[in-house]
Amino acid sequence: MCKKVLTNAFTVPDMGLPTYFLGMHMDHDRAAGKLSLGQRQYVTTILERFAMEDCNPVRLPIGVGVVMEREGATLDVPMATKYKKAVGELLYLATCTRPDISFAVGKLSRHVSAPTQAHWAVAKAVMRYLKGTRTWFLTYRSEGPLVGYSDADYAGDIDTRWSKTGQAFLWGGADFS
């Protein structure tokens, strides 16, 4: 409907279904009722930007039991700026097509005001995880149940003793929260 209104008002060429938009690769399969979104090129760009393109991949975005505290050897100003840029780029990725790194990026983003060497090591671990999963896509299906998950901890933040909660909602097989 919107396309018809725009075509009547303006000269608009029909270029077909989009395949790449805002750094996202899009794969349409109308017969199967699927739309897949991924950001393999953006992940490659992040890895190149932070000299991680030749790193060894890891299986998890953040190690089991990793505790991120305020205390530690702080980064100098250029490295702190690099850390902030890395967290920003990872946050965009987590928001668009990679909910699997959201927990780790959330932990990293809490320390952008005073990052330490330990925080930078965790950021690099997330990038190492992305190296091994760069071709992963979110696949939305036209039908499927709405499923919700939630979790919480009790006083899990070491520095503030605050509790944290989180939730994810899946519809048609992929995250949309």
C-alpha atoms as a PDB file:
ATOM      1  CA  MET A   1       0.000   0.000   0.000  1.00  0.00           C
ATOM      2  CA  CYS A   2       2.717   2.471   0.997  1.00  0.00           C
ATOM      3  CA  LYS A   3       4.748   1.584  -2.086  1.00  0.00           C
ATOM      4  CA  LYS A   4       1.745   2.292  -4.326  1.00  0.00           C
ATOM      5  CA  VAL A   5       1.145   5.719  -2.726  1.00  0.00           C
ATOM      6  CA  LEU A   6       4.817   6.700  -3.106  1.00  0.00           C
ATOM      7  CA  THR A   7       4.926   5.488  -6.710  1.00  0.00           C
ATOM      8  CA  ASN A   8       1.868   7.599  -7.551  1.00  0.00           C
ATOM      9  CA  ALA A   9       3.337  10.718  -5.931  1.00  0.00           C
ATOM     10  CA  PHE A  10       6.985  10.384  -7.037  1.00  0.00           C
ATOM     11  CA  THR A  11       9.070   8.759  -9.709  1.00  0.00           C
ATOM     12  CA  VAL A  12      10.259   5.693  -7.829  1.00  0.00           C
ATOM     13  CA  PRO A  13      12.065   2.828  -9.529  1.00  0.00           C
ATOM     14  CA  ASP A  14      11.140  -0.651  -8.316  1.00  0.00           C
ATOM     15  CA  MET A  15      14.445  -2.217  -7.313  1.00  0.00           C
ATOM     16  CA  GLY A  16      12.915  -5.399  -5.886  1.00  0.00           C
ATOM     17  CA  LEU A  17      13.453  -6.780  -2.424  1.00  0.00           C
ATOM     18  CA  PRO A  18      16.373  -5.307  -0.470  1.00  0.00           C
ATOM     19  CA  THR A  19      19.437  -7.491   0.037  1.00  0.00           C
ATOM     20  CA  TYR A  20      21.638  -5.120   2.053  1.00  0.00           C
ATOM     21  CA  PHE A  21      20.458  -2.309   4.323  1.00  0.00           C
ATOM     22  CA  LEU A  22      22.194  -0.444   7.186  1.00  0.00           C
ATOM     23  CA  GLY A  23      24.964  -3.018   7.324  1.00  0.00           C
ATOM     24  CA  MET A  24      22.549  -5.957   7.375  1.00  0.00           C
ATOM     25  CA  HIS A  25      22.439  -8.709   4.776  1.00  0.00           C
ATOM     26  CA  MET A  26      18.863  -9.739   4.040  1.00  0.00           C
ATOM     27  CA  ASP A  27      17.812 -13.049   2.554  1.00  0.00           C
ATOM     28  CA  HIS A  28      14.149 -13.450   1.572  1.00  0.00           C
ATOM     29  CA  ASP A  29      12.510 -16.815   0.972  1.00  0.00           C
ATOM     30  CA  ARG A  30       8.860 -16.047   0.342  1.00  0.00           C
ATOM     31  CA  ALA A  31       7.993 -19.634  -0.558  1.00  0.00           C
ATOM     32  CA  ALA A  32       9.150 -20.841   2.875  1.00  0.00           C
ATOM     33  CA  GLY A  33       7.972 -17.671   4.624  1.00  0.00           C
ATOM     34  CA  LYS A  34      11.429 -16.763   5.919  1.00  0.00           C
ATOM     35  CA  LEU A  35      13.464 -13.600   6.302  1.00  0.00           C
ATOM     36  CA  SER A  36      17.090 -13.929   7.420  1.00  0.00           C
ATOM     37  CA  LEU A  37      19.166 -11.007   8.708  1.00  0.00           C
ATOM     38  CA  GLY A  38      22.901 -11.071   9.327  1.00  0.00           C
ATOM     39  CA  GLN A  39      25.879  -8.747   9.509  1.00  0.00           C
ATOM     40  CA  ARG A  40      28.869 -10.787   8.339  1.00  0.00           C
ATOM     41  CA  GLN A  41      30.488  -7.814   6.580  1.00  0.00           C
ATOM     42  CA  TYR A  42      30.054  -5.581   9.631  1.00  0.00           C
ATOM     43  CA  VAL A  43      31.632  -8.256  11.847  1.00  0.00           C
ATOM     44  CA  THR A  44      34.553  -8.494   9.421  1.00  0.00           C
ATOM     45  CA  THR A  45      34.947  -4.702   9.539  1.00  0.00           C
ATOM     46  CA  ILE A  46      34.965  -4.718  13.358  1.00  0.00           C
ATOM     47  CA  LEU A  47      37.597  -7.461  13.434  1.00  0.00           C
ATOM     48  CA  GLU A  48      39.790  -5.563  10.963  1.00  0.00           C
ATOM     49  CA  ARG A  49      39.354  -2.251  12.777  1.00  0.00           C
ATOM     50  CA  PHE A  50      40.615  -3.735  16.044  1.00  0.00           C
ATOM     51  CA  ALA A  51      43.320  -5.942  14.448  1.00  0.00           C
ATOM     52  CA  MET A  52      41.465  -9.139  15.398  1.00  0.00           C
ATOM     53  CA  GLU A  53      40.954 -10.612  11.907  1.00  0.00           C
ATOM     54  CA  ASP A  54      43.585 -13.329  12.511  1.00  0.00           C
ATOM     55  CA  CYS A  55      42.480 -14.218  16.063  1.00  0.00           C
ATOM     56  CA  ASN A  56      41.459 -17.691  17.154  1.00  0.00           C
ATOM     57  CA  PRO A  57      37.697 -18.070  17.670  1.00  0.00           C
ATOM     58  CA  VAL A  58      36.191 -19.034  21.019  1.00  0.00           C
ATOM     59  CA  ARG A  59      32.918 -20.836  21.778  1.00  0.00           C
ATOM     60  CA  LEU A  60      31.318 -18.308  24.160  1.00  0.00           C
ATOM     61  CA  PRO A  61      31.049 -14.498  23.979  1.00  0.00           C
ATOM     62  CA  ILE A  62      31.982 -14.233  27.670  1.00  0.00           C
ATOM     63  CA  GLY A  63      33.604 -16.908  29.769  1.00  0.00           C
ATOM     64  CA  VAL A  64      31.666 -18.761  32.432  1.00  0.00           C
ATOM     65  CA  GLY A  65      32.099 -17.063  35.784  1.00  0.00           C
ATOM     66  CA  VAL A  66      33.788 -13.933  34.413  1.00  0.00           C
ATOM     67  CA  VAL A  67      33.393 -11.156  36.965  1.00  0.00           C
ATOM     68  CA  MET A  68      33.864  -7.588  35.789  1.00  0.00           C
ATOM     69  CA  GLU A  69      34.826  -5.222  38.605  1.00  0.00           C
ATOM     70  CA  ARG A  70      35.654  -1.522  38.639  1.00  0.00           C
ATOM     71  CA  GLU A  71      39.041  -2.180  40.219  1.00  0.00           C
ATOM     72  CA  GLY A  72      42.038  -2.956  38.058  1.00  0.00           C
ATOM     73  CA  ALA A  73      44.740  -1.462  35.884  1.00  0.00           C
ATOM     74  CA  THR A  74      43.022   1.361  33.997  1.00  0.00           C
ATOM     75  CA  LEU A  75      43.601   1.881  30.309  1.00  0.00           C
ATOM     76  CA  ASP A  76      45.457   4.960  29.075  1.00  0.00           C
ATOM     77  CA  VAL A  77      43.410   7.552  27.159  1.00  0.00           C
ATOM     78  CA  PRO A  78      43.990   6.191  23.613  1.00  0.00           C
ATOM     79  CA  MET A  79      43.160   2.635  24.692  1.00  0.00           C
ATOM     80  CA  ALA A  80      40.125   3.826  26.678  1.00  0.00           C
ATOM     81  CA  THR A  81      38.873   5.568  23.533  1.00  0.00           C
ATOM     82  CA  LYS A  82      39.467   2.385  21.550  1.00  0.00           C
ATOM     83  CA  TYR A  83      37.509   0.425  24.174  1.00  0.00           C
ATOM     84  CA  LYS A  84      34.577   2.854  23.934  1.00  0.00           C
ATOM     85  CA  LYS A  85      34.530   2.554  20.145  1.00  0.00           C
ATOM     86  CA  ALA A  86      34.608  -1.246  20.372  1.00  0.00           C
ATOM     87  CA  VAL A  87      31.729  -1.324  22.848  1.00  0.00           C
ATOM     88  CA  GLY A  88      29.700   1.038  20.648  1.00  0.00           C
ATOM     89  CA  GLU A  89      30.186  -1.126  17.585  1.00  0.00           C
ATOM     90  CA  LEU A  90      29.418  -4.312  19.505  1.00  0.00           C
ATOM     91  CA  LEU A  91      26.297  -2.656  20.926  1.00  0.00           C
ATOM     92  CA  TYR A  92      25.023  -1.854  17.416  1.00  0.00           C
ATOM     93  CA  LEU A  93      25.658  -5.451  16.393  1.00  0.00           C
ATOM     94  CA  ALA A  94      23.899  -6.841  19.495  1.00  0.00           C
ATOM     95  CA  THR A  95      20.912  -4.552  18.917  1.00  0.00           C
ATOM     96  CA  CYS A  96      20.443  -5.394  15.234  1.00  0.00           C
ATOM     97  CA  THR A  97      21.145  -9.059  14.613  1.00  0.00           C
ATOM     98  CA  ARG A  98      23.217 -10.620  17.385  1.00  0.00           C
ATOM     99  CA  PRO A  99      21.237 -11.025  20.608  1.00  0.00           C
ATOM    100  CA  ASP A 100      23.678 -13.797  21.554  1.00  0.00           C
ATOM    101  CA  ILE A 101      26.270 -11.172  22.541  1.00  0.00           C
ATOM    102  CA  SER A 102      23.839  -8.859  24.368  1.00  0.00           C
ATOM    103  CA  PHE A 103      24.716 -10.089  27.863  1.00  0.00           C
ATOM    104  CA  ALA A 104      28.462  -9.667  27.321  1.00  0.00           C
ATOM    105  CA  VAL A 105      28.076  -6.263  25.652  1.00  0.00           C
ATOM    106  CA  GLY A 106      25.800  -5.114  28.461  1.00  0.00           C
ATOM    107  CA  LYS A 107      28.512  -5.974  30.973  1.00  0.00           C
ATOM    108  CA  LEU A 108      31.134  -4.176  28.865  1.00  0.00           C
ATOM    109  CA  SER A 109      28.986  -1.056  28.504  1.00  0.00           C
ATOM    110  CA  ARG A 110      28.773  -0.618  32.279  1.00  0.00           C
ATOM    111  CA  HIS A 111      32.490   0.162  32.339  1.00  0.00           C
ATOM    112  CA  VAL A 112      32.969   2.635  29.470  1.00  0.00           C
ATOM    113  CA  SER A 113      33.630   5.518  31.874  1.00  0.00           C
ATOM    114  CA  ALA A 114      36.688   3.821  33.419  1.00  0.00           C
ATOM    115  CA  PRO A 115      37.741   0.716  31.480  1.00  0.00           C
ATOM    116  CA  THR A 116      40.508  -1.543  32.723  1.00  0.00           C
ATOM    117  CA  GLN A 117      42.793  -4.008  31.013  1.00  0.00           C
ATOM    118  CA  ALA A 118      40.496  -6.818  32.190  1.00  0.00           C
ATOM    119  CA  HIS A 119      37.538  -5.131  30.486  1.00  0.00           C
ATOM    120  CA  TRP A 120      39.528  -4.817  27.250  1.00  0.00           C
ATOM    121  CA  ALA A 121      40.370  -8.532  27.461  1.00  0.00           C
ATOM    122  CA  VAL A 122      36.643  -9.365  27.714  1.00  0.00           C
ATOM    123  CA  ALA A 123      35.886  -7.092  24.722  1.00  0.00           C
ATOM    124  CA  LYS A 124      38.527  -8.935  22.706  1.00  0.00           C
ATOM    125  CA  ALA A 125      36.982 -12.256  23.775  1.00  0.00           C
ATOM    126  CA  VAL A 126      33.630 -11.107  22.372  1.00  0.00           C
ATOM    127  CA  MET A 127      35.375 -10.267  19.092  1.00  0.00           C
ATOM    128  CA  ARG A 128      37.031 -13.695  19.088  1.00  0.00           C
ATOM    129  CA  TYR A 129      33.564 -15.229  19.497  1.00  0.00           C
ATOM    130  CA  LEU A 130      32.317 -13.159  16.553  1.00  0.00           C
ATOM    131  CA  LYS A 131      35.202 -14.423  14.430  1.00  0.00           C
ATOM    132  CA  GLY A 132      33.815 -17.956  14.705  1.00  0.00           C
ATOM    133  CA  THR A 133      30.168 -16.956  14.260  1.00  0.00           C
ATOM    134  CA  ARG A 134      30.434 -14.193  11.678  1.00  0.00           C
ATOM    135  CA  THR A 135      28.093 -15.956   9.230  1.00  0.00           C
ATOM    136  CA  TRP A 136      25.248 -16.459  11.718  1.00  0.00           C
ATOM    137  CA  PHE A 137      21.849 -15.049  10.747  1.00  0.00           C
ATOM    138  CA  LEU A 138      18.602 -14.408  12.577  1.00  0.00           C
ATOM    139  CA  THR A 139      15.844 -16.201  10.702  1.00  0.00           C
ATOM    140  CA  TYR A 140      12.276 -15.019  11.110  1.00  0.00           C
ATOM    141  CA  ARG A 141       9.463 -17.294   9.993  1.00  0.00           C
ATOM    142  CA  SER A 142       6.005 -16.149   9.008  1.00  0.00           C
ATOM    143  CA  GLU A 143       4.428 -18.460  11.570  1.00  0.00           C
ATOM    144  CA  GLY A 144       5.444 -19.604  14.983  1.00  0.00           C
ATOM    145  CA  PRO A 145       4.655 -19.225  18.643  1.00  0.00           C
ATOM    146  CA  LEU A 146       5.506 -16.264  20.812  1.00  0.00           C
ATOM    147  CA  VAL A 147       7.945 -17.453  23.473  1.00  0.00           C
ATOM    148  CA  GLY A 148       9.348 -15.400  26.324  1.00  0.00           C
ATOM    149  CA  TYR A 149      12.295 -16.013  28.622  1.00  0.00           C
ATOM    150  CA  SER A 150      13.464 -14.100  31.652  1.00  0.00           C
ATOM    151  CA  ASP A 151      16.185 -14.427  34.229  1.00  0.00           C
ATOM    152  CA  ALA A 152      17.469 -12.550  37.256  1.00  0.00           C
ATOM    153  CA  ASP A 153      20.239 -12.704  39.794  1.00  0.00           C
ATOM    154  CA  TYR A 154      20.364 -11.556  43.365  1.00  0.00           C
ATOM    155  CA  ALA A 155      22.968  -8.872  44.097  1.00  0.00           C
ATOM    156  CA  GLY A 156      25.098 -10.137  41.212  1.00  0.00           C
ATOM    157  CA  ASP A 157      26.922  -6.864  40.548  1.00  0.00           C
ATOM    158  CA  ILE A 158      30.112  -7.082  42.594  1.00  0.00           C
ATOM    159  CA  ASP A 159      30.595  -3.307  42.861  1.00  0.00           C
ATOM    160  CA  THR A 160      27.046  -2.136  43.666  1.00  0.00           C
ATOM    161  CA  ARG A 161      25.402  -5.374  44.875  1.00  0.00           C
ATOM    162  CA  TRP A 162      22.466  -4.563  42.581  1.00  0.00           C
ATOM    163  CA  SER A 163      20.356  -7.336  41.113  1.00  0.00           C
ATOM    164  CA  LYS A 164      20.070  -7.631  37.350  1.00  0.00           C
ATOM    165  CA  THR A 165      17.210  -8.910  35.214  1.00  0.00           C
ATOM    166  CA  GLY A 166      16.814  -9.650  31.560  1.00  0.00           C
ATOM    167  CA  GLN A 167      14.302 -10.988  29.096  1.00  0.00           C
ATOM    168  CA  ALA A 168      14.096 -12.166  25.515  1.00  0.00           C
ATOM    169  CA  PHE A 169      11.084 -12.738  23.316  1.00  0.00           C
ATOM    170  CA  LEU A 170      11.106 -14.982  20.270  1.00  0.00           C
ATOM    171  CA  TRP A 171       8.510 -14.904  17.553  1.00  0.00           C
ATOM    172  CA  GLY A 172       8.749 -17.086  14.512  1.00  0.00           C
ATOM    173  CA  GLY A 173      11.997 -18.539  15.800  1.00  0.00           C
ATOM    174  CA  ALA A 174      14.075 -15.374  16.257  1.00  0.00           C
ATOM    175  CA  ASP A 175      14.559 -12.653  18.839  1.00  0.00           C
ATOM    176  CA  PHE A 176      12.641  -9.430  18.383  1.00  0.00           C
ATOM    177  CA  SER A 177      12.911  -7.842  21.839  1.00  0.00           C
END
